Amino acid sequence: MINNWQVPRNKRKLYPVVDVLSLFTLQTLGDSWRSNLNRQLDFEAELERYGLKRAGQRRDRRAGGARTYESWLYNLGLIFKETNTDIVRTTLAGESLLAGQPPVPIVTNQLMKLQYPSPYSVRGRVNIHYRFQVRPFRFLLRLLADSRVQSLSKEEIGRFVITEGENESHNCFEHVVQRITSYRSNGDAILPSDFEEQYLSSTTGLRSREKTLSYLEDIANTFINYLEYTQLIERNSNGIYIPLDRVSDVDAILNDGTNLRQLDTNHPYGIENFQRGFGLAPGQNRDNRNFGGQTVTDNLYRERRIRSDLLHIAGTRPITNFTVSLVREIADTTGYSIREVEDALDGFRPDTFSQFEASYLNMAISGTELATEFEIATRGIFEQLGFHAQHVGNHALHPDIFVESPQNYSGIIDTKAYRSYTINNDHRNRMVNNYIPTYQNQYGNVEFFMYVADGFGSNIASQVQNIADRTNVNGSVITARNVIRLLQRYQATPIDHNSLRILFANNSVITMSEIDSL
């Protein structure tokens, strides 16, 4: 039995949720998941093909890896199992994701409803302690919204929130607040002497204090990663907090009048009914679907396969319209004909911008995990802004992206998948001694350099000015969120490239108000 909050940790971030769900449904259409080892192994192979799972020889030929992904989707309320047939289906929230609706509101809604007990928490291989009667992500937001707490570190979450946040009562909440404030004054001295005995490993039993704390902090970090996907919180070196512009959104969630759902494991349809109710998308009240007699045809599979590829592409680069080259790319990837791809996409117009935005903002905080994808996605944005853009980051002593404007100027862009980026000496020297001289000598018209990251340190403007003074080329920095805003602004009304040149050479941080004023 697990004596703390728990979520599957095979995917510790939520950015690939649409891809994983799409691939999973392709392997389970109209058939049982549990009893079909070949389908599970095929699912693993598809995850590897999409780069969602590390490729290589599988040590577990029983498809244990595939089943952890199923558990991940099940915990999020995106799939359920029909009681009478044992067939796994997508919930209405899952169907909304596959229909290309904006993923962040749907997944946020699922996280805010996620609770213990649940069909996931009572699974035999999970078995979270019955003392937990709580919606964990709401509990975290409630703590962050409290003026006595305001921010949470992974150490605080691991030691006290996921272990002592048993329920949503006033007394329990106050107890956890007291434990956090006491820890801030006294540190680990307040932990009980039998702490590691209370939080045993569900597989290996008793661990050292150090390993127990490391395990709990790892779980806490996964909860933080999940919550970051909602864009309701931000993270800095001290932990997570609610930014001012999201306070009202959090208040609305915490005061929506909802309560925990009742889970009746004794009712023959108790698990299915709970999971269907949990899996309702925003604005939906009931899942009355009847799947009796539904058959899976080649046409249905082909349509799902093609649409799955489109959603995957939409998460990697901005798509503004369905072009011939896009259709040809999907045809080449899937093996279907151009006509079959066109038929499958007829009438299917997902919110591709929202798909890309969710992925891009997660790339920006991914560190090395998605650094290359972040570079390529940024190149795609500048192509949409009307530049000729090249990804040159795979060459030594070159920036990530080089762009050329039709108005006869060029620019150098470096992406940094950091939460708070500062230009260290090494990065500054590369820009000063390698990047700018190389492209200035070759093209003679480099008008700006730029850094793109999730956020920046307090001295970033002076660091940009230092590079400008040493190279006679002006520059700027811009957050990933403001890159998205700039693209939205450009799509609404194209911006003259002379105005963009001036913006990109402001020797400071590009702000939202500057973008809005273009």
Protein backbone atom coordinates (compact mmCIF):
# COMPACT_ATOMS: atom_id res chain seq x y z
CA MET A 1 0.00 0.00 0.00
CA ILE A 2 1.32 3.45 -0.95
CA ASN A 3 1.11 5.83 2.01
CA ASN A 4 1.37 9.11 0.08
CA TRP A 5 -0.04 10.81 -2.99
CA GLN A 6 1.06 9.12 -6.18
CA VAL A 7 0.79 9.58 -9.94
CA PRO A 8 2.39 7.49 -12.70
CA ARG A 9 5.91 8.71 -13.37
CA ASN A 10 6.69 7.10 -16.71
CA LYS A 11 5.92 10.49 -18.29
CA ARG A 12 6.68 13.16 -15.72
CA LYS A 13 5.35 15.98 -17.87
CA LEU A 14 2.07 16.28 -19.70
CA TYR A 15 3.17 17.83 -23.00
CA PRO A 16 2.83 14.54 -25.01
CA VAL A 17 -0.66 13.72 -23.73
CA VAL A 18 -2.41 14.11 -27.11
CA ASP A 19 0.21 12.04 -28.93
CA VAL A 20 0.17 9.24 -26.35
CA LEU A 21 -3.64 9.12 -26.30
CA SER A 22 -3.80 9.13 -30.11
CA LEU A 23 -1.36 6.24 -30.41
CA PHE A 24 -3.06 4.32 -27.62
CA THR A 25 -6.49 4.54 -29.22
CA LEU A 26 -5.09 3.35 -32.54
CA GLN A 27 -3.96 0.16 -30.81
CA THR A 28 -7.19 -0.41 -28.88
CA LEU A 29 -9.96 0.43 -31.35
CA GLY A 30 -12.75 -2.04 -30.74
CA ASP A 31 -10.64 -4.60 -28.91
CA SER A 32 -9.52 -5.62 -25.45
CA TRP A 33 -6.29 -4.05 -24.23
CA ARG A 34 -5.54 -6.25 -21.25
CA SER A 35 -5.45 -9.59 -23.04
CA ASN A 36 -3.65 -8.56 -26.23
CA LEU A 37 0.12 -8.61 -25.78
CA ASN A 38 0.79 -7.89 -29.46
CA ARG A 39 -1.24 -4.71 -29.31
CA GLN A 40 0.67 -3.60 -26.23
CA LEU A 41 4.02 -4.24 -27.90
CA ASP A 42 2.84 -2.43 -31.04
CA PHE A 43 1.88 0.53 -28.84
CA GLU A 44 5.40 0.60 -27.42
CA ALA A 45 6.83 0.56 -30.95
CA GLU A 46 4.63 3.53 -31.93
CA LEU A 47 5.72 5.46 -28.84
CA GLU A 48 9.32 4.89 -29.85
CA ARG A 49 8.61 6.00 -33.43
CA TYR A 50 7.18 9.29 -32.15
CA GLY A 51 10.14 9.75 -29.81
CA LEU A 52 7.92 9.51 -26.73
CA LYS A 53 9.67 6.45 -25.37
CA ARG A 54 13.35 5.65 -25.53
CA ALA A 55 14.05 3.25 -28.37
CA GLY A 56 16.11 0.12 -27.90
CA GLN A 57 15.87 -3.54 -27.08
CA ARG A 58 13.04 -4.11 -24.65
CA ARG A 59 14.00 -5.85 -21.46
CA ASP A 60 10.33 -6.55 -20.68
CA ARG A 61 8.81 -8.55 -23.52
CA ARG A 62 5.57 -8.67 -21.54
CA ALA A 63 4.90 -5.01 -22.50
CA GLY A 64 5.12 -3.67 -18.97
CA GLY A 65 6.24 -0.33 -20.39
CA ALA A 66 3.11 -0.06 -22.50
CA ARG A 67 0.92 -0.74 -19.49
CA THR A 68 2.48 2.16 -17.56
CA TYR A 69 1.35 4.50 -20.36
CA GLU A 70 -2.15 3.03 -20.14
CA SER A 71 -2.06 3.73 -16.40
CA TRP A 72 -0.97 7.32 -17.10
CA LEU A 73 -3.97 7.92 -19.38
CA TYR A 74 -6.32 6.12 -16.97
CA ASN A 75 -5.18 8.25 -14.04
CA LEU A 76 -5.92 11.40 -16.06
CA GLY A 77 -9.46 10.19 -16.79
CA LEU A 78 -8.95 10.02 -20.56
CA ILE A 79 -9.85 6.33 -20.95
CA PHE A 80 -12.13 3.82 -19.28
CA LYS A 81 -12.89 0.11 -19.61
CA GLU A 82 -16.35 -1.14 -20.53
CA THR A 83 -17.53 -3.49 -17.82
CA ASN A 84 -19.38 -5.89 -20.11
CA THR A 85 -16.84 -6.17 -22.92
CA ASP A 86 -13.46 -5.38 -21.33
CA ILE A 87 -12.85 -2.97 -24.24
CA VAL A 88 -10.96 0.23 -23.41
CA ARG A 89 -12.65 3.40 -24.70
CA THR A 90 -11.79 7.08 -24.60
CA THR A 91 -13.80 9.28 -22.24
CA LEU A 92 -15.48 12.39 -23.59
CA ALA A 93 -12.49 14.43 -22.41
CA GLY A 94 -10.24 12.06 -24.32
CA GLU A 95 -12.41 12.38 -27.41
CA SER A 96 -12.21 16.17 -27.14
CA LEU A 97 -8.41 15.97 -27.17
CA LEU A 98 -8.48 13.70 -30.21
CA ALA A 99 -10.85 16.13 -31.93
CA GLY A 100 -8.12 18.76 -31.66
CA GLN A 101 -9.76 20.98 -29.07
CA PRO A 102 -7.41 23.19 -26.99
CA PRO A 103 -5.60 20.73 -24.71
CA VAL A 104 -4.70 22.96 -21.75
CA PRO A 105 -8.29 23.69 -20.57
CA ILE A 106 -9.25 20.02 -20.97
CA VAL A 107 -6.24 18.65 -19.08
CA THR A 108 -6.56 21.37 -16.43
CA ASN A 109 -10.17 20.32 -15.89
CA GLN A 110 -9.05 16.70 -15.49
CA LEU A 111 -6.36 17.57 -12.96
CA MET A 112 -8.75 19.64 -10.89
CA LYS A 113 -11.12 16.64 -10.71
CA LEU A 114 -8.40 14.05 -10.09
CA GLN A 115 -8.90 12.55 -6.65
CA TYR A 116 -8.18 9.78 -4.21
CA PRO A 117 -9.95 7.40 -3.98
CA SER A 118 -10.36 6.74 -7.69
CA PRO A 119 -10.33 3.75 -10.04
CA TYR A 120 -6.62 4.42 -10.48
CA SER A 121 -5.79 4.71 -6.78
CA VAL A 122 -7.51 1.41 -5.88
CA ARG A 123 -5.78 -0.61 -8.59
CA GLY A 124 -3.92 -3.55 -7.14
CA ARG A 125 -0.48 -2.42 -8.31
CA VAL A 126 -1.13 1.13 -7.03
CA ASN A 127 -3.28 0.81 -3.89
CA ILE A 128 -2.99 4.30 -2.42
CA HIS A 129 -3.89 4.33 1.28
CA TYR A 130 -7.61 4.74 1.94
CA ARG A 131 -6.89 7.57 4.42
CA PHE A 132 -6.51 9.92 1.42
CA GLN A 133 -9.84 11.50 0.48
CA VAL A 134 -8.55 14.48 -1.42
CA ARG A 135 -8.17 16.21 -4.79
CA PRO A 136 -4.42 16.74 -4.75
CA PHE A 137 -4.03 19.47 -7.37
CA ARG A 138 -6.74 21.57 -5.78
CA PHE A 139 -5.08 21.11 -2.41
CA LEU A 140 -1.80 22.41 -3.86
CA LEU A 141 -3.50 25.46 -5.38
CA ARG A 142 -5.31 26.11 -2.10
CA LEU A 143 -1.97 26.19 -0.30
CA LEU A 144 -0.42 28.50 -2.89
CA ALA A 145 -3.41 30.84 -2.63
CA ASP A 146 -3.00 31.09 1.15
CA SER A 147 -1.14 34.24 2.24
CA ARG A 148 0.78 32.25 4.86
CA VAL A 149 2.23 29.92 2.24
CA GLN A 150 2.28 31.67 -1.18
CA SER A 151 4.97 29.39 -2.61
CA LEU A 152 5.93 25.74 -2.28
CA SER A 153 9.21 23.93 -2.82
CA LYS A 154 9.46 20.30 -3.84
CA GLU A 155 10.95 19.64 -0.41
CA GLU A 156 7.86 21.04 1.33
CA ILE A 157 5.48 19.22 -0.98
CA GLY A 158 7.34 15.93 -0.60
CA ARG A 159 7.69 16.06 3.17
CA PHE A 160 4.29 17.36 4.22
CA VAL A 161 1.75 17.92 1.44
CA ILE A 162 1.73 14.53 -0.27
CA THR A 163 2.13 12.72 3.04
CA GLU A 164 -0.18 14.63 5.40
CA GLY A 165 -2.70 16.20 3.00
CA GLU A 166 -5.25 13.50 3.77
CA ASN A 167 -8.51 15.32 3.08
CA GLU A 168 -10.04 18.68 2.25
CA SER A 169 -11.24 19.55 5.75
CA HIS A 170 -10.31 22.84 7.43
CA ASN A 171 -8.42 21.01 10.18
CA CYS A 172 -6.29 19.01 7.75
CA PHE A 173 -5.48 22.07 5.67
CA GLU A 174 -4.48 24.07 8.75
CA HIS A 175 -2.32 21.18 9.93
CA VAL A 176 -0.40 21.11 6.65
CA VAL A 177 0.04 24.90 6.68
CA GLN A 178 1.43 24.67 10.21
CA ARG A 179 3.84 21.90 9.19
CA ILE A 180 5.13 23.96 6.26
CA THR A 181 5.65 27.12 8.30
CA SER A 182 7.35 25.14 11.05
CA TYR A 183 9.66 23.49 8.50
CA ARG A 184 10.65 26.90 7.16
CA SER A 185 11.86 27.81 10.65
CA ASN A 186 13.29 24.52 11.85
CA GLY A 187 14.07 22.35 8.81
CA ASP A 188 14.16 18.55 8.97
CA ALA A 189 14.35 18.60 12.76
CA ILE A 190 10.53 18.53 12.80
CA LEU A 191 10.32 15.21 10.95
CA PRO A 192 9.29 12.30 13.19
CA SER A 193 11.94 9.77 14.13
CA ASP A 194 10.03 7.00 12.33
CA PHE A 195 9.51 9.05 9.13
CA GLU A 196 11.07 6.45 6.82
CA GLU A 197 9.04 3.70 8.47
CA GLN A 198 5.81 5.58 7.76
CA TYR A 199 6.63 5.96 4.07
CA LEU A 200 7.99 2.59 3.07
CA SER A 201 8.64 1.61 -0.52
CA SER A 202 5.66 -0.37 -1.83
CA THR A 203 8.11 -2.76 -3.50
CA THR A 204 11.31 -2.89 -1.43
CA GLY A 205 10.12 -1.85 2.02
CA LEU A 206 12.24 0.18 4.42
CA ARG A 207 14.70 2.71 2.94
CA SER A 208 17.16 5.16 4.43
CA ARG A 209 15.97 8.64 5.41
CA GLU A 210 17.91 10.08 2.48
CA LYS A 211 16.34 7.72 -0.07
CA THR A 212 12.88 8.20 1.40
CA LEU A 213 13.14 11.98 1.08
CA SER A 214 14.55 11.69 -2.44
CA TYR A 215 11.64 9.43 -3.44
CA LEU A 216 9.03 11.81 -2.02
CA GLU A 217 10.67 14.87 -3.60
CA ASP A 218 10.67 13.08 -6.95
CA ILE A 219 6.93 12.53 -6.68
CA ALA A 220 6.50 16.16 -5.61
CA ASN A 221 8.40 17.33 -8.68
CA THR A 222 6.11 15.28 -10.92
CA PHE A 223 3.08 16.96 -9.32
CA ILE A 224 4.73 20.32 -10.01
CA ASN A 225 5.38 19.33 -13.64
CA TYR A 226 1.72 18.37 -14.06
CA LEU A 227 0.55 21.62 -12.51
CA GLU A 228 2.88 23.65 -14.73
CA TYR A 229 1.04 22.32 -17.78
CA THR A 230 -2.10 24.15 -16.61
CA GLN A 231 -0.24 27.50 -16.80
CA LEU A 232 -1.82 28.39 -13.43
CA ILE A 233 1.57 28.44 -11.69
CA GLU A 234 5.12 29.47 -12.39
CA ARG A 235 8.36 28.13 -10.97
CA ASN A 236 11.52 29.88 -9.83
CA SER A 237 14.50 28.88 -7.70
CA ASN A 238 12.35 28.99 -4.55
CA GLY A 239 9.58 26.76 -5.87
CA ILE A 240 6.15 27.31 -7.41
CA TYR A 241 3.74 30.20 -7.01
CA ILE A 242 0.60 31.63 -8.61
CA PRO A 243 1.41 34.61 -10.88
CA LEU A 244 -0.75 37.68 -10.38
CA ASP A 245 -2.51 37.32 -13.73
CA ARG A 246 -3.79 33.84 -12.77
CA VAL A 247 -4.98 34.55 -9.22
CA SER A 248 -8.59 35.12 -10.30
CA ASP A 249 -8.57 31.89 -12.35
CA VAL A 250 -7.34 29.91 -9.34
CA ASP A 251 -9.96 31.54 -7.10
CA ALA A 252 -12.69 30.53 -9.56
CA ILE A 253 -11.49 26.92 -9.51
CA LEU A 254 -11.25 26.75 -5.72
CA ASN A 255 -14.72 28.24 -5.29
CA ASP A 256 -16.62 26.33 -7.96
CA GLY A 257 -18.70 24.45 -5.36
CA THR A 258 -17.67 20.95 -6.44
CA ASN A 259 -16.85 18.07 -4.11
CA LEU A 260 -15.18 14.68 -4.26
CA ARG A 261 -17.02 12.03 -6.26
CA GLN A 262 -18.22 8.88 -4.58
CA LEU A 263 -16.51 5.68 -5.73
CA ASP A 264 -18.62 2.55 -5.25
CA THR A 265 -16.40 -0.44 -5.94
CA ASN A 266 -19.16 -2.84 -4.89
CA HIS A 267 -21.51 -1.76 -7.68
CA PRO A 268 -20.95 -3.84 -10.84
CA TYR A 269 -20.62 -0.67 -12.93
CA GLY A 270 -19.10 1.48 -10.19
CA ILE A 271 -15.62 1.76 -11.69
CA GLU A 272 -16.88 2.42 -15.22
CA ASN A 273 -19.46 4.97 -14.09
CA PHE A 274 -16.92 6.86 -12.00
CA GLN A 275 -14.37 6.97 -14.81
CA ARG A 276 -16.95 8.14 -17.36
CA GLY A 277 -18.03 10.92 -15.00
CA PHE A 278 -14.44 11.85 -14.23
CA GLY A 279 -13.75 11.98 -17.98
CA LEU A 280 -16.30 14.65 -18.86
CA ALA A 281 -14.84 17.59 -20.75
CA PRO A 282 -15.59 21.19 -19.67
CA GLY A 283 -19.27 21.99 -20.16
CA GLN A 284 -20.38 18.34 -20.34
CA ASN A 285 -22.73 16.82 -17.79
CA ARG A 286 -23.18 13.18 -18.72
CA ASP A 287 -21.72 10.40 -20.85
CA ASN A 288 -24.62 8.44 -22.35
CA ARG A 289 -22.74 6.80 -25.19
CA ASN A 290 -23.68 3.23 -26.10
CA PHE A 291 -21.06 1.27 -28.00
CA GLY A 292 -23.12 -1.84 -28.66
CA GLY A 293 -22.65 -3.18 -32.17
CA GLN A 294 -19.99 -0.65 -33.10
CA THR A 295 -17.54 -2.07 -35.61
CA VAL A 296 -14.07 -0.84 -36.43
CA THR A 297 -13.65 -0.48 -40.19
CA ASP A 298 -10.52 0.15 -42.23
CA ASN A 299 -11.88 3.61 -43.01
CA LEU A 300 -12.25 4.44 -39.29
CA TYR A 301 -8.73 3.26 -38.51
CA ARG A 302 -7.29 5.20 -41.48
CA GLU A 303 -9.09 8.37 -40.42
CA ARG A 304 -7.81 8.05 -36.84
CA ARG A 305 -4.28 7.32 -38.04
CA ILE A 306 -4.14 10.32 -40.36
CA ARG A 307 -5.69 12.69 -37.85
CA SER A 308 -3.29 11.42 -35.20
CA ASP A 309 -0.36 12.38 -37.43
CA LEU A 310 -1.81 15.83 -38.03
CA LEU A 311 -2.17 16.45 -34.28
CA HIS A 312 1.42 15.30 -33.78
CA ILE A 313 2.70 17.73 -36.42
CA ALA A 314 0.59 20.52 -34.92
CA GLY A 315 2.42 20.05 -31.63
CA THR A 316 5.82 20.52 -33.25
CA ARG A 317 5.31 23.59 -35.43
CA PRO A 318 2.65 26.24 -36.10
CA ILE A 319 0.14 25.29 -38.80
CA THR A 320 -1.93 28.14 -40.21
CA ASN A 321 -3.58 26.32 -43.11
CA PHE A 322 -3.81 22.88 -44.67
CA THR A 323 -1.40 23.02 -47.59
CA VAL A 324 -0.56 20.53 -50.31
CA SER A 325 2.87 20.02 -48.73
CA LEU A 326 1.27 19.22 -45.35
CA VAL A 327 -1.02 16.64 -46.95
CA ARG A 328 1.94 15.13 -48.81
CA GLU A 329 3.98 14.98 -45.59
CA ILE A 330 1.20 13.07 -43.81
CA ALA A 331 0.81 10.75 -46.79
CA ASP A 332 4.54 10.00 -46.78
CA THR A 333 4.52 9.31 -43.03
CA THR A 334 1.41 7.13 -42.91
CA GLY A 335 1.72 5.38 -46.27
CA TYR A 336 -1.78 6.43 -47.34
CA SER A 337 -2.47 8.12 -50.67
CA ILE A 338 -2.92 11.87 -51.08
CA ARG A 339 -6.62 11.30 -51.74
CA GLU A 340 -7.05 9.17 -48.62
CA VAL A 341 -5.34 11.84 -46.50
CA GLU A 342 -7.53 14.57 -47.97
CA ASP A 343 -10.68 12.53 -47.32
CA ALA A 344 -9.65 11.83 -43.71
CA LEU A 345 -8.98 15.52 -43.06
CA ASP A 346 -12.15 16.71 -44.79
CA GLY A 347 -14.06 18.72 -42.19
CA PHE A 348 -11.42 18.07 -39.51
CA ARG A 349 -10.14 21.45 -38.39
CA PRO A 350 -8.49 21.12 -34.98
CA ASP A 351 -7.29 24.13 -33.04
CA THR A 352 -3.74 23.69 -34.27
CA PHE A 353 -2.56 26.94 -32.68
CA SER A 354 -3.59 25.76 -29.19
CA GLN A 355 -1.91 22.40 -29.83
CA PHE A 356 1.31 24.15 -30.75
CA GLU A 357 1.14 26.73 -27.96
CA ALA A 358 0.82 24.05 -25.28
CA SER A 359 3.77 22.11 -26.69
CA TYR A 360 5.95 25.17 -27.27
CA LEU A 361 5.57 26.51 -23.73
CA ASN A 362 6.51 23.10 -22.38
CA MET A 363 9.53 22.93 -24.67
CA ALA A 364 10.67 26.24 -23.18
CA ILE A 365 11.02 24.72 -19.69
CA SER A 366 12.28 21.29 -20.74
CA GLY A 367 16.02 21.77 -20.22
CA THR A 368 17.96 19.40 -22.46
CA GLU A 369 14.99 17.03 -22.94
CA LEU A 370 13.35 19.01 -25.75
CA ALA A 371 16.05 21.59 -26.48
CA THR A 372 16.40 20.62 -30.15
CA GLU A 373 12.63 20.52 -30.61
CA PHE A 374 12.49 24.01 -29.08
CA GLU A 375 15.01 25.27 -31.65
CA ILE A 376 13.13 23.75 -34.58
CA ALA A 377 9.75 24.98 -33.34
CA THR A 378 11.15 28.52 -32.98
CA ARG A 379 12.44 28.34 -36.54
CA GLY A 380 8.90 27.43 -37.62
CA ILE A 381 7.51 30.49 -35.83
CA PHE A 382 9.91 32.83 -37.62
CA GLU A 383 8.97 31.25 -40.93
CA GLN A 384 5.34 32.09 -40.11
CA LEU A 385 6.50 35.64 -39.34
CA GLY A 386 7.68 35.93 -42.93
CA PHE A 387 11.40 35.22 -42.48
CA HIS A 388 13.50 32.69 -44.31
CA ALA A 389 14.69 30.68 -41.32
CA GLN A 390 17.39 28.01 -41.05
CA HIS A 391 18.04 25.69 -38.16
CA VAL A 392 21.85 25.76 -37.91
CA GLY A 393 22.25 24.68 -34.30
CA ASN A 394 23.54 21.26 -35.30
CA HIS A 395 26.78 22.86 -36.58
CA ALA A 396 29.65 23.70 -34.22
CA LEU A 397 30.11 27.37 -33.30
CA HIS A 398 26.81 28.34 -34.87
CA PRO A 399 23.67 29.77 -33.24
CA ASP A 400 20.47 27.76 -33.18
CA ILE A 401 18.65 29.73 -35.89
CA PHE A 402 19.61 32.16 -38.62
CA VAL A 403 16.83 34.25 -40.18
CA GLU A 404 16.68 36.50 -43.23
CA SER A 405 14.04 39.14 -43.87
CA PRO A 406 12.69 40.09 -47.32
CA GLN A 407 13.68 43.66 -46.34
CA ASN A 408 17.36 42.75 -46.64
CA TYR A 409 18.44 42.21 -43.07
CA SER A 410 19.22 39.10 -41.06
CA GLY A 411 19.28 37.98 -37.44
CA ILE A 412 20.74 35.40 -35.09
CA ILE A 413 18.55 33.55 -32.59
CA ASP A 414 19.57 31.32 -29.71
CA THR A 415 16.93 29.37 -27.80
CA LYS A 416 17.45 28.41 -24.16
CA ALA A 417 14.99 25.97 -22.58
CA TYR A 418 15.49 27.53 -19.14
CA ARG A 419 13.01 28.97 -16.67
CA SER A 420 15.24 31.91 -15.80
CA TYR A 421 18.04 32.40 -18.31
CA THR A 422 21.06 34.62 -17.83
CA ILE A 423 23.79 35.10 -20.43
CA ASN A 424 26.82 33.52 -18.83
CA ASN A 425 30.38 34.22 -19.97
CA ASP A 426 30.54 31.20 -22.26
CA HIS A 427 27.28 32.05 -24.04
CA ARG A 428 28.26 35.72 -24.32
CA ASN A 429 31.64 34.86 -25.80
CA ARG A 430 30.07 32.55 -28.36
CA MET A 431 27.73 35.30 -29.49
CA VAL A 432 30.48 37.96 -29.52
CA ASN A 433 33.36 35.92 -30.96
CA ASN A 434 31.65 33.30 -33.12
CA TYR A 435 28.00 33.76 -34.02
CA ILE A 436 27.84 37.45 -34.96
CA PRO A 437 31.24 37.67 -36.71
CA THR A 438 30.62 34.50 -38.74
CA TYR A 439 27.29 35.65 -40.14
CA GLN A 440 28.27 39.31 -40.41
CA ASN A 441 31.29 38.37 -42.49
CA GLN A 442 29.21 36.09 -44.72
CA TYR A 443 26.08 38.22 -45.14
CA GLY A 444 27.06 41.73 -43.99
CA ASN A 445 23.54 42.62 -42.89
CA VAL A 446 23.08 41.13 -39.38
CA GLU A 447 20.78 43.61 -37.66
CA PHE A 448 19.92 41.78 -34.45
CA PHE A 449 20.66 38.90 -32.13
CA MET A 450 18.01 37.37 -29.88
CA TYR A 451 17.64 34.93 -27.01
CA VAL A 452 14.36 33.04 -26.47
CA ALA A 453 13.67 31.36 -23.12
CA ASP A 454 10.84 30.75 -20.66
CA GLY A 455 12.07 33.62 -18.48
CA PHE A 456 15.15 35.73 -17.73
CA GLY A 457 17.29 36.84 -14.82
CA SER A 458 17.14 40.35 -13.41
CA ASN A 459 20.35 41.53 -15.13
CA ILE A 460 19.44 40.33 -18.62
CA ALA A 461 19.04 43.83 -20.14
CA SER A 462 22.57 44.88 -19.14
CA GLN A 463 23.93 41.58 -20.47
CA VAL A 464 22.28 42.21 -23.84
CA GLN A 465 23.64 45.76 -23.89
CA ASN A 466 27.13 44.42 -23.18
CA ILE A 467 27.00 42.20 -26.28
CA ALA A 468 25.65 45.08 -28.36
CA ASP A 469 28.47 47.37 -27.20
CA ARG A 470 31.11 44.78 -28.09
CA THR A 471 29.73 43.83 -31.52
CA ASN A 472 27.91 46.95 -32.76
CA VAL A 473 24.88 44.73 -33.36
CA ASN A 474 21.83 45.36 -31.25
CA GLY A 475 19.80 42.56 -29.70
CA SER A 476 16.92 41.54 -27.47
CA VAL A 477 15.46 38.75 -25.38
CA ILE A 478 11.90 37.47 -25.49
CA THR A 479 9.97 34.90 -23.49
CA ALA A 480 8.45 31.90 -25.22
CA ARG A 481 5.01 33.14 -24.20
CA ASN A 482 5.63 36.48 -25.90
CA VAL A 483 6.90 34.72 -29.01
CA ILE A 484 3.49 33.05 -29.14
CA ARG A 485 1.79 36.43 -28.60
CA LEU A 486 3.87 37.94 -31.41
CA LEU A 487 2.79 35.15 -33.75
CA GLN A 488 -0.86 35.66 -32.78
CA ARG A 489 -0.50 39.38 -33.39
CA TYR A 490 1.12 38.77 -36.79
CA GLN A 491 -1.58 36.29 -37.83
CA ALA A 492 -4.29 38.81 -36.96
CA THR A 493 -2.61 41.61 -38.93
CA PRO A 494 0.77 41.12 -40.67
CA ILE A 495 3.50 43.33 -39.21
CA ASP A 496 5.93 45.28 -41.38
CA HIS A 497 9.42 43.77 -41.13
CA ASN A 498 10.96 47.17 -40.50
CA SER A 499 8.86 47.37 -37.32
CA LEU A 500 10.04 43.87 -36.37
CA ARG A 501 13.67 44.90 -36.97
CA ILE A 502 13.28 47.83 -34.58
CA LEU A 503 11.56 45.63 -31.99
CA PHE A 504 14.21 42.91 -32.18
CA ALA A 505 17.02 45.45 -31.74
CA ASN A 506 15.76 47.20 -28.59
CA ASN A 507 18.67 45.96 -26.42
CA SER A 508 16.24 44.85 -23.73
CA VAL A 509 13.38 42.48 -22.95
CA ILE A 510 10.58 42.52 -25.54
CA THR A 511 7.37 43.13 -23.60
CA MET A 512 3.74 42.29 -24.24
CA SER A 513 2.84 45.98 -24.49
CA GLU A 514 5.47 46.49 -27.21
CA ILE A 515 4.00 43.59 -29.17
CA ASP A 516 0.46 44.90 -28.76
CA SER A 517 1.51 48.35 -29.97
CA LEU A 518 2.87 47.11 -33.32
